[in-house]
PDB file of N, CA and C in Angstrom:
ATOM      1  N   UNK A   1     -42.399  37.751 -49.825  1.00  0.00           N
ATOM      2  CA  UNK A   1     -42.231  38.074 -51.229  1.00  0.00           C
ATOM      3  C   UNK A   1     -42.986  37.046 -52.059  1.00  0.00           C
ATOM      4  N   UNK A   2     -43.754  37.541 -53.031  1.00  0.00           N
ATOM      5  CA  UNK A   2     -44.469  36.657 -53.938  1.00  0.00           C
ATOM      6  C   UNK A   2     -44.224  37.066 -55.374  1.00  0.00           C
ATOM      7  N   UNK A   3     -44.083  36.076 -56.237  1.00  0.00           N
ATOM      8  CA  UNK A   3     -44.041  36.339 -57.666  1.00  0.00           C
ATOM      9  C   UNK A   3     -45.491  36.485 -58.107  1.00  0.00           C
ATOM     10  N   UNK A   4     -45.850  37.671 -58.566  1.00  0.00           N
ATOM     11  CA  UNK A   4     -47.249  37.936 -58.908  1.00  0.00           C
ATOM     12  C   UNK A   4     -47.523  37.820 -60.400  1.00  0.00           C
ATOM     13  N   UNK A   5     -46.478  37.819 -61.225  1.00  0.00           N
ATOM     14  CA  UNK A   5     -46.674  37.682 -62.662  1.00  0.00           C
ATOM     15  C   UNK A   5     -45.385  37.211 -63.315  1.00  0.00           C
ATOM     16  N   UNK A   6     -45.536  36.337 -64.311  1.00  0.00           N
ATOM     17  CA  UNK A   6     -44.397  35.879 -65.105  1.00  0.00           C
ATOM     18  C   UNK A   6     -44.814  35.922 -66.571  1.00  0.00           C
ATOM     19  N   UNK A   7     -43.995  36.540 -67.398  1.00  0.00           N
ATOM     20  CA  UNK A   7     -44.244  36.480 -68.834  1.00  0.00           C
ATOM     21  C   UNK A   7     -43.009  35.889 -69.510  1.00  0.00           C
ATOM     22  N   UNK A   8     -43.272  35.055 -70.517  1.00  0.00           N
ATOM     23  CA  UNK A   8     -42.197  34.352 -71.210  1.00  0.00           C
ATOM     24  C   UNK A   8     -42.381  34.522 -72.711  1.00  0.00           C
ATOM     25  N   UNK A   9     -41.270  34.782 -73.386  1.00  0.00           N
ATOM     26  CA  UNK A   9     -41.248  34.801 -74.851  1.00  0.00           C
ATOM     27  C   UNK A   9     -40.290  33.709 -75.299  1.00  0.00           C
ATOM     28  N   UNK A  10     -40.826  32.687 -75.976  1.00  0.00           N
ATOM     29  CA  UNK A  10     -39.981  31.604 -76.465  1.00  0.00           C
ATOM     30  C   UNK A  10     -39.156  32.085 -77.647  1.00  0.00           C
ATOM     31  N   UNK A  11     -37.949  31.542 -77.740  1.00  0.00           N
ATOM     32  CA  UNK A  11     -37.055  31.843 -78.850  1.00  0.00           C
ATOM     33  C   UNK A  11     -36.751  30.519 -79.533  1.00  0.00           C
ATOM     34  N   UNK A  12     -37.072  30.457 -80.805  1.00  0.00           N
ATOM     35  CA  UNK A  12     -36.852  29.215 -81.542  1.00  0.00           C
ATOM     36  C   UNK A  12     -35.823  29.466 -82.634  1.00  0.00           C
ATOM     37  N   UNK A  13     -34.567  29.374 -82.233  1.00  0.00           N
ATOM     38  CA  UNK A  13     -33.460  29.566 -83.159  1.00  0.00           C
ATOM     39  C   UNK A  13     -32.647  28.277 -83.154  1.00  0.00           C
ATOM     40  N   UNK A  14     -32.577  27.633 -84.301  1.00  0.00           N
ATOM     41  CA  UNK A  14     -31.910  26.338 -84.385  1.00  0.00           C
ATOM     42  C   UNK A  14     -30.455  26.438 -83.938  1.00  0.00           C
ATOM     43  N   UNK A  15     -30.057  25.493 -83.102  1.00  0.00           N
ATOM     44  CA  UNK A  15     -28.686  25.439 -82.619  1.00  0.00           C
ATOM     45  C   UNK A  15     -28.410  26.315 -81.407  1.00  0.00           C
ATOM     46  N   UNK A  16     -29.369  27.135 -81.015  1.00  0.00           N
ATOM     47  CA  UNK A  16     -29.175  28.021 -79.871  1.00  0.00           C
ATOM     48  C   UNK A  16     -29.586  27.323 -78.579  1.00  0.00           C
ATOM     49  N   UNK A  17     -28.795  27.502 -77.544  1.00  0.00           N
ATOM     50  CA  UNK A  17     -29.141  26.938 -76.238  1.00  0.00           C
ATOM     51  C   UNK A  17     -30.140  27.820 -75.504  1.00  0.00           C
ATOM     52  N   UNK A  18     -30.257  29.085 -75.919  1.00  0.00           N
ATOM     53  CA  UNK A  18     -31.228  29.978 -75.285  1.00  0.00           C
ATOM     54  C   UNK A  18     -32.605  29.674 -75.856  1.00  0.00           C
ATOM     55  N   UNK A  19     -33.551  29.352 -74.983  1.00  0.00           N
ATOM     56  CA  UNK A  19     -34.879  28.927 -75.404  1.00  0.00           C
ATOM     57  C   UNK A  19     -35.954  29.975 -75.150  1.00  0.00           C
ATOM     58  N   UNK A  20     -35.634  30.994 -74.347  1.00  0.00           N
ATOM     59  CA  UNK A  20     -36.632  32.019 -74.084  1.00  0.00           C
ATOM     60  C   UNK A  20     -36.100  33.129 -73.199  1.00  0.00           C
ATOM     61  N   UNK A  21     -36.935  34.160 -73.085  1.00  0.00           N
ATOM     62  CA  UNK A  21     -36.648  35.314 -72.224  1.00  0.00           C
ATOM     63  C   UNK A  21     -37.860  35.514 -71.324  1.00  0.00           C
ATOM     64  N   UNK A  22     -37.621  35.770 -70.047  1.00  0.00           N
ATOM     65  CA  UNK A  22     -38.724  35.940 -69.094  1.00  0.00           C
ATOM     66  C   UNK A  22     -38.613  37.279 -68.373  1.00  0.00           C
ATOM     67  N   UNK A  23     -39.781  37.753 -67.933  1.00  0.00           N
ATOM     68  CA  UNK A  23     -39.882  38.905 -67.039  1.00  0.00           C
ATOM     69  C   UNK A  23     -40.714  38.469 -65.850  1.00  0.00           C
ATOM     70  N   UNK A  24     -40.315  38.918 -64.665  1.00  0.00           N
ATOM     71  CA  UNK A  24     -40.996  38.539 -63.426  1.00  0.00           C
ATOM     72  C   UNK A  24     -41.403  39.802 -62.678  1.00  0.00           C
ATOM     73  N   UNK A  25     -42.620  39.801 -62.177  1.00  0.00           N
ATOM     74  CA  UNK A  25     -43.115  40.893 -61.343  1.00  0.00           C
ATOM     75  C   UNK A  25     -43.239  40.372 -59.912  1.00  0.00           C
ATOM     76  N   UNK A  26     -42.641  41.076 -58.976  1.00  0.00           N
ATOM     77  CA  UNK A  26     -42.638  40.677 -57.571  1.00  0.00           C
ATOM     78  C   UNK A  26     -43.550  41.625 -56.787  1.00  0.00           C
ATOM     79  N   UNK A  27     -44.476  41.036 -56.036  1.00  0.00           N
ATOM     80  CA  UNK A  27     -45.399  41.802 -55.185  1.00  0.00           C
ATOM     81  C   UNK A  27     -46.092  42.956 -55.926  1.00  0.00           C
ATOM     82  N   UNK A  28     -46.362  42.757 -57.203  1.00  0.00           N
ATOM     83  CA  UNK A  28     -46.994  43.793 -58.033  1.00  0.00           C
ATOM     84  C   UNK A  28     -46.278  45.139 -57.948  1.00  0.00           C
ATOM     85  N   UNK A  29     -44.969  45.117 -57.638  1.00  0.00           N
ATOM     86  CA  UNK A  29     -44.295  46.400 -57.461  1.00  0.00           C
ATOM     87  C   UNK A  29     -42.839  46.443 -57.923  1.00  0.00           C
ATOM     88  N   UNK A  30     -42.250  45.306 -58.279  1.00  0.00           N
ATOM     89  CA  UNK A  30     -40.846  45.315 -58.710  1.00  0.00           C
ATOM     90  C   UNK A  30     -40.696  44.322 -59.853  1.00  0.00           C
ATOM     91  N   UNK A  31     -40.155  44.788 -60.992  1.00  0.00           N
ATOM     92  CA  UNK A  31     -40.014  43.936 -62.175  1.00  0.00           C
ATOM     93  C   UNK A  31     -38.549  43.610 -62.451  1.00  0.00           C
ATOM     94  N   UNK A  32     -38.316  42.383 -62.889  1.00  0.00           N
ATOM     95  CA  UNK A  32     -37.000  41.956 -63.360  1.00  0.00           C
ATOM     96  C   UNK A  32     -37.203  41.433 -64.782  1.00  0.00           C
ATOM     97  N   UNK A  33     -36.490  42.030 -65.734  1.00  0.00           N
ATOM     98  CA  UNK A  33     -36.605  41.664 -67.137  1.00  0.00           C
ATOM     99  C   UNK A  33     -35.334  40.947 -67.597  1.00  0.00           C
ATOM    100  N   UNK A  34     -35.414  40.336 -68.756  1.00  0.00           N
ATOM    101  CA  UNK A  34     -34.270  39.715 -69.435  1.00  0.00           C
ATOM    102  C   UNK A  34     -33.662  38.539 -68.670  1.00  0.00           C
ATOM    103  N   UNK A  35     -34.519  37.748 -68.039  1.00  0.00           N
ATOM    104  CA  UNK A  35     -34.072  36.492 -67.437  1.00  0.00           C
ATOM    105  C   UNK A  35     -34.061  35.464 -68.562  1.00  0.00           C
ATOM    106  N   UNK A  36     -32.896  34.876 -68.823  1.00  0.00           N
ATOM    107  CA  UNK A  36     -32.769  33.941 -69.939  1.00  0.00           C
ATOM    108  C   UNK A  36     -33.127  32.513 -69.507  1.00  0.00           C
ATOM    109  N   UNK A  37     -33.794  31.798 -70.402  1.00  0.00           N
ATOM    110  CA  UNK A  37     -34.092  30.384 -70.201  1.00  0.00           C
ATOM    111  C   UNK A  37     -33.147  29.622 -71.115  1.00  0.00           C
ATOM    112  N   UNK A  38     -32.309  28.791 -70.506  1.00  0.00           N
ATOM    113  CA  UNK A  38     -31.220  28.125 -71.217  1.00  0.00           C
ATOM    114  C   UNK A  38     -31.408  26.610 -71.172  1.00  0.00           C
ATOM    115  N   UNK A  39     -31.112  25.949 -72.296  1.00  0.00           N
ATOM    116  CA  UNK A  39     -31.111  24.486 -72.353  1.00  0.00           C
ATOM    117  C   UNK A  39     -29.706  24.024 -71.987  1.00  0.00           C
ATOM    118  N   UNK A  40     -29.566  23.420 -70.799  1.00  0.00           N
ATOM    119  CA  UNK A  40     -28.282  22.918 -70.348  1.00  0.00           C
ATOM    120  C   UNK A  40     -28.185  21.417 -70.558  1.00  0.00           C
ATOM    121  N   UNK A  41     -27.083  20.846 -70.156  1.00  0.00           N
ATOM    122  CA  UNK A  41     -26.872  19.404 -70.282  1.00  0.00           C
ATOM    123  C   UNK A  41     -27.867  18.608 -69.450  1.00  0.00           C
ATOM    124  N   UNK A  42     -28.360  19.207 -68.359  1.00  0.00           N
ATOM    125  CA  UNK A  42     -29.302  18.514 -67.474  1.00  0.00           C
ATOM    126  C   UNK A  42     -30.710  19.085 -67.552  1.00  0.00           C
ATOM    127  N   UNK A  43     -31.052  19.767 -68.641  1.00  0.00           N
ATOM    128  CA  UNK A  43     -32.380  20.342 -68.799  1.00  0.00           C
ATOM    129  C   UNK A  43     -32.359  21.857 -68.756  1.00  0.00           C
ATOM    130  N   UNK A  44     -33.536  22.435 -68.669  1.00  0.00           N
ATOM    131  CA  UNK A  44     -33.681  23.886 -68.674  1.00  0.00           C
ATOM    132  C   UNK A  44     -33.284  24.493 -67.327  1.00  0.00           C
ATOM    133  N   UNK A  45     -32.700  25.687 -67.391  1.00  0.00           N
ATOM    134  CA  UNK A  45     -32.411  26.467 -66.186  1.00  0.00           C
ATOM    135  C   UNK A  45     -32.507  27.939 -66.551  1.00  0.00           C
ATOM    136  N   UNK A  46     -32.524  28.799 -65.531  1.00  0.00           N
ATOM    137  CA  UNK A  46     -32.603  30.234 -65.780  1.00  0.00           C
ATOM    138  C   UNK A  46     -31.256  30.893 -65.515  1.00  0.00           C
ATOM    139  N   UNK A  47     -31.003  31.978 -66.244  1.00  0.00           N
ATOM    140  CA  UNK A  47     -29.807  32.804 -66.033  1.00  0.00           C
ATOM    141  C   UNK A  47     -30.306  34.230 -65.824  1.00  0.00           C
ATOM    142  N   UNK A  48     -29.950  34.796 -64.707  1.00  0.00           N
ATOM    143  CA  UNK A  48     -30.410  36.130 -64.358  1.00  0.00           C
ATOM    144  C   UNK A  48     -29.743  37.173 -65.257  1.00  0.00           C
ATOM    145  N   UNK A  49     -30.346  38.373 -65.363  1.00  0.00           N
ATOM    146  CA  UNK A  49     -29.762  39.417 -66.215  1.00  0.00           C
ATOM    147  C   UNK A  49     -28.347  39.756 -65.744  1.00  0.00           C
ATOM    148  N   UNK A  50     -27.455  39.936 -66.702  1.00  0.00           N
ATOM    149  CA  UNK A  50     -26.057  40.208 -66.344  1.00  0.00           C
ATOM    150  C   UNK A  50     -25.456  41.202 -67.328  1.00  0.00           C
ATOM    151  N   UNK A  51     -24.290  41.696 -66.964  1.00  0.00           N
ATOM    152  CA  UNK A  51     -23.559  42.593 -67.856  1.00  0.00           C
ATOM    153  C   UNK A  51     -22.105  42.166 -67.879  1.00  0.00           C
ATOM    154  N   UNK A  52     -21.454  42.461 -68.987  1.00  0.00           N
ATOM    155  CA  UNK A  52     -20.049  42.102 -69.159  1.00  0.00           C
ATOM    156  C   UNK A  52     -19.171  43.056 -68.351  1.00  0.00           C
ATOM    157  N   UNK A  53     -18.194  42.493 -67.655  1.00  0.00           N
ATOM    158  CA  UNK A  53     -17.276  43.308 -66.855  1.00  0.00           C
ATOM    159  C   UNK A  53     -16.080  43.736 -67.702  1.00  0.00           C
ATOM    160  N   UNK A  54     -15.275  44.631 -67.171  1.00  0.00           N
ATOM    161  CA  UNK A  54     -14.088  45.120 -67.865  1.00  0.00           C
ATOM    162  C   UNK A  54     -13.078  44.004 -68.118  1.00  0.00           C
ATOM    163  N   UNK A  55     -13.113  42.957 -67.283  1.00  0.00           N
ATOM    164  CA  UNK A  55     -12.161  41.851 -67.432  1.00  0.00           C
ATOM    165  C   UNK A  55     -12.676  40.770 -68.382  1.00  0.00           C
ATOM    166  N   UNK A  56     -13.881  40.967 -68.940  1.00  0.00           N
ATOM    167  CA  UNK A  56     -14.416  40.004 -69.899  1.00  0.00           C
ATOM    168  C   UNK A  56     -15.363  38.978 -69.311  1.00  0.00           C
ATOM    169  N   UNK A  57     -15.504  38.969 -68.003  1.00  0.00           N
ATOM    170  CA  UNK A  57     -16.443  38.052 -67.362  1.00  0.00           C
ATOM    171  C   UNK A  57     -17.836  38.659 -67.335  1.00  0.00           C
ATOM    172  N   UNK A  58     -18.748  37.980 -66.665  1.00  0.00           N
ATOM    173  CA  UNK A  58     -20.114  38.481 -66.535  1.00  0.00           C
ATOM    174  C   UNK A  58     -20.488  38.571 -65.065  1.00  0.00           C
ATOM    175  N   UNK A  59     -21.303  39.572 -64.741  1.00  0.00           N
ATOM    176  CA  UNK A  59     -21.759  39.770 -63.369  1.00  0.00           C
ATOM    177  C   UNK A  59     -23.267  39.985 -63.395  1.00  0.00           C
ATOM    178  N   UNK A  60     -23.986  39.228 -62.549  1.00  0.00           N
ATOM    179  CA  UNK A  60     -25.434  39.377 -62.475  1.00  0.00           C
ATOM    180  C   UNK A  60     -25.792  40.775 -61.996  1.00  0.00           C
ATOM    181  N   UNK A  61     -26.819  41.349 -62.625  1.00  0.00           N
ATOM    182  CA  UNK A  61     -27.320  42.664 -62.232  1.00  0.00           C
ATOM    183  C   UNK A  61     -28.295  42.520 -61.071  1.00  0.00           C
ATOM    184  N   UNK A  62     -29.163  41.526 -61.162  1.00  0.00           N
ATOM    185  CA  UNK A  62     -30.129  41.216 -60.097  1.00  0.00           C
ATOM    186  C   UNK A  62     -30.177  39.707 -59.975  1.00  0.00           C
ATOM    187  N   UNK A  63     -30.217  39.207 -58.745  1.00  0.00           N
ATOM    188  CA  UNK A  63     -30.233  37.759 -58.569  1.00  0.00           C
ATOM    189  C   UNK A  63     -30.744  37.382 -57.184  1.00  0.00           C
ATOM    190  N   UNK A  64     -31.295  36.170 -57.061  1.00  0.00           N
ATOM    191  CA  UNK A  64     -31.713  35.678 -55.745  1.00  0.00           C
ATOM    192  C   UNK A  64     -30.487  35.473 -54.853  1.00  0.00           C
ATOM    193  N   UNK A  65     -30.675  35.700 -53.567  1.00  0.00           N
ATOM    194  CA  UNK A  65     -29.572  35.577 -52.616  1.00  0.00           C
ATOM    195  C   UNK A  65     -29.417  34.153 -52.086  1.00  0.00           C
ATOM    196  N   UNK A  66     -30.510  33.381 -52.045  1.00  0.00           N
ATOM    197  CA  UNK A  66     -30.399  32.029 -51.506  1.00  0.00           C
ATOM    198  C   UNK A  66     -31.045  31.011 -52.450  1.00  0.00           C
ATOM    199  N   UNK A  67     -30.711  29.738 -52.288  1.00  0.00           N
ATOM    200  CA  UNK A  67     -31.211  28.690 -53.188  1.00  0.00           C
ATOM    201  C   UNK A  67     -32.737  28.540 -53.197  1.00  0.00           C
ATOM    202  N   UNK A  68     -33.390  28.788 -52.074  1.00  0.00           N
ATOM    203  CA  UNK A  68     -34.849  28.657 -52.027  1.00  0.00           C
ATOM    204  C   UNK A  68     -35.536  29.674 -52.934  1.00  0.00           C
ATOM    205  N   UNK A  69     -35.047  30.902 -52.919  1.00  0.00           N
ATOM    206  CA  UNK A  69     -35.632  31.940 -53.753  1.00  0.00           C
ATOM    207  C   UNK A  69     -35.296  31.676 -55.229  1.00  0.00           C
ATOM    208  N   UNK A  70     -34.080  31.220 -55.514  1.00  0.00           N
ATOM    209  CA  UNK A  70     -33.714  30.880 -56.893  1.00  0.00           C
ATOM    210  C   UNK A  70     -34.652  29.791 -57.419  1.00  0.00           C
ATOM    211  N   UNK A  71     -34.935  28.777 -56.600  1.00  0.00           N
ATOM    212  CA  UNK A  71     -35.829  27.691 -57.014  1.00  0.00           C
ATOM    213  C   UNK A  71     -37.235  28.230 -57.253  1.00  0.00           C
ATOM    214  N   UNK A  72     -37.686  29.152 -56.409  1.00  0.00           N
ATOM    215  CA  UNK A  72     -39.003  29.750 -56.585  1.00  0.00           C
ATOM    216  C   UNK A  72     -39.083  30.453 -57.952  1.00  0.00           C
ATOM    217  N   UNK A  73     -38.050  31.215 -58.300  1.00  0.00           N
ATOM    218  CA  UNK A  73     -38.000  31.891 -59.596  1.00  0.00           C
ATOM    219  C   UNK A  73     -37.978  30.869 -60.729  1.00  0.00           C
ATOM    220  N   UNK A  74     -37.093  29.903 -60.618  1.00  0.00           N
ATOM    221  CA  UNK A  74     -36.941  28.911 -61.685  1.00  0.00           C
ATOM    222  C   UNK A  74     -38.231  28.125 -61.900  1.00  0.00           C
ATOM    223  N   UNK A  75     -38.862  27.686 -60.828  1.00  0.00           N
ATOM    224  CA  UNK A  75     -40.115  26.929 -60.945  1.00  0.00           C
ATOM    225  C   UNK A  75     -41.201  27.762 -61.622  1.00  0.00           C
ATOM    226  N   UNK A  76     -41.367  29.013 -61.209  1.00  0.00           N
ATOM    227  CA  UNK A  76     -42.407  29.878 -61.780  1.00  0.00           C
ATOM    228  C   UNK A  76     -42.133  30.169 -63.256  1.00  0.00           C
ATOM    229  N   UNK A  77     -40.891  30.439 -63.598  1.00  0.00           N
ATOM    230  CA  UNK A  77     -40.537  30.765 -64.982  1.00  0.00           C
ATOM    231  C   UNK A  77     -40.673  29.543 -65.881  1.00  0.00           C
ATOM    232  N   UNK A  78     -40.158  28.399 -65.437  1.00  0.00           N
ATOM    233  CA  UNK A  78     -40.227  27.202 -66.281  1.00  0.00           C
ATOM    234  C   UNK A  78     -41.659  26.693 -66.438  1.00  0.00           C
ATOM    235  N   UNK A  79     -42.482  26.884 -65.414  1.00  0.00           N
ATOM    236  CA  UNK A  79     -43.902  26.524 -65.529  1.00  0.00           C
ATOM    237  C   UNK A  79     -44.574  27.367 -66.608  1.00  0.00           C
ATOM    238  N   UNK A  80     -44.289  28.667 -66.609  1.00  0.00           N
ATOM    239  CA  UNK A  80     -44.864  29.552 -67.622  1.00  0.00           C
ATOM    240  C   UNK A  80     -44.280  29.255 -69.006  1.00  0.00           C
ATOM    241  N   UNK A  81     -43.010  28.872 -69.064  1.00  0.00           N
ATOM    242  CA  UNK A  81     -42.369  28.510 -70.329  1.00  0.00           C
ATOM    243  C   UNK A  81     -43.100  27.337 -70.963  1.00  0.00           C
ATOM    244  N   UNK A  82     -43.449  26.346 -70.174  1.00  0.00           N
ATOM    245  CA  UNK A  82     -44.149  25.164 -70.697  1.00  0.00           C
ATOM    246  C   UNK A  82     -45.530  25.539 -71.239  1.00  0.00           C
ATOM    247  N   UNK A  83     -46.153  26.562 -70.694  1.00  0.00           N
ATOM    248  CA  UNK A  83     -47.484  27.003 -71.144  1.00  0.00           C
ATOM    249  C   UNK A  83     -47.414  27.923 -72.362  1.00  0.00           C
ATOM    250  N   UNK A  84     -46.261  28.569 -72.579  1.00  0.00           N
ATOM    251  CA  UNK A  84     -46.128  29.554 -73.652  1.00  0.00           C
ATOM    252  C   UNK A  84     -46.192  28.876 -75.019  1.00  0.00           C
ATOM    253  N   UNK A  85     -46.685  29.618 -75.977  1.00  0.00           N
ATOM    254  CA  UNK A  85     -46.765  29.099 -77.351  1.00  0.00           C
ATOM    255  C   UNK A  85     -45.596  29.546 -78.173  1.00  0.00           C
TER     256      UNK A  85
END
């Protein structure tokens, strides 16, 4: 599996921890949209697309299964975030 494209839209809203939204294309054949870029206490991280459950919690719609793949996504998205205007 390869990430073949990443697009990032920065969000500049004062006081907001959300810093951007990303879309990732995998193997030129599968897209994941609405990946949030969040400013946490220890720096930027990504939050995968999720939906609110009936109990009020949130559940990821699509997400990496293991830490290596999550890091691959995070590295690619944050690299593109730094390049975005």
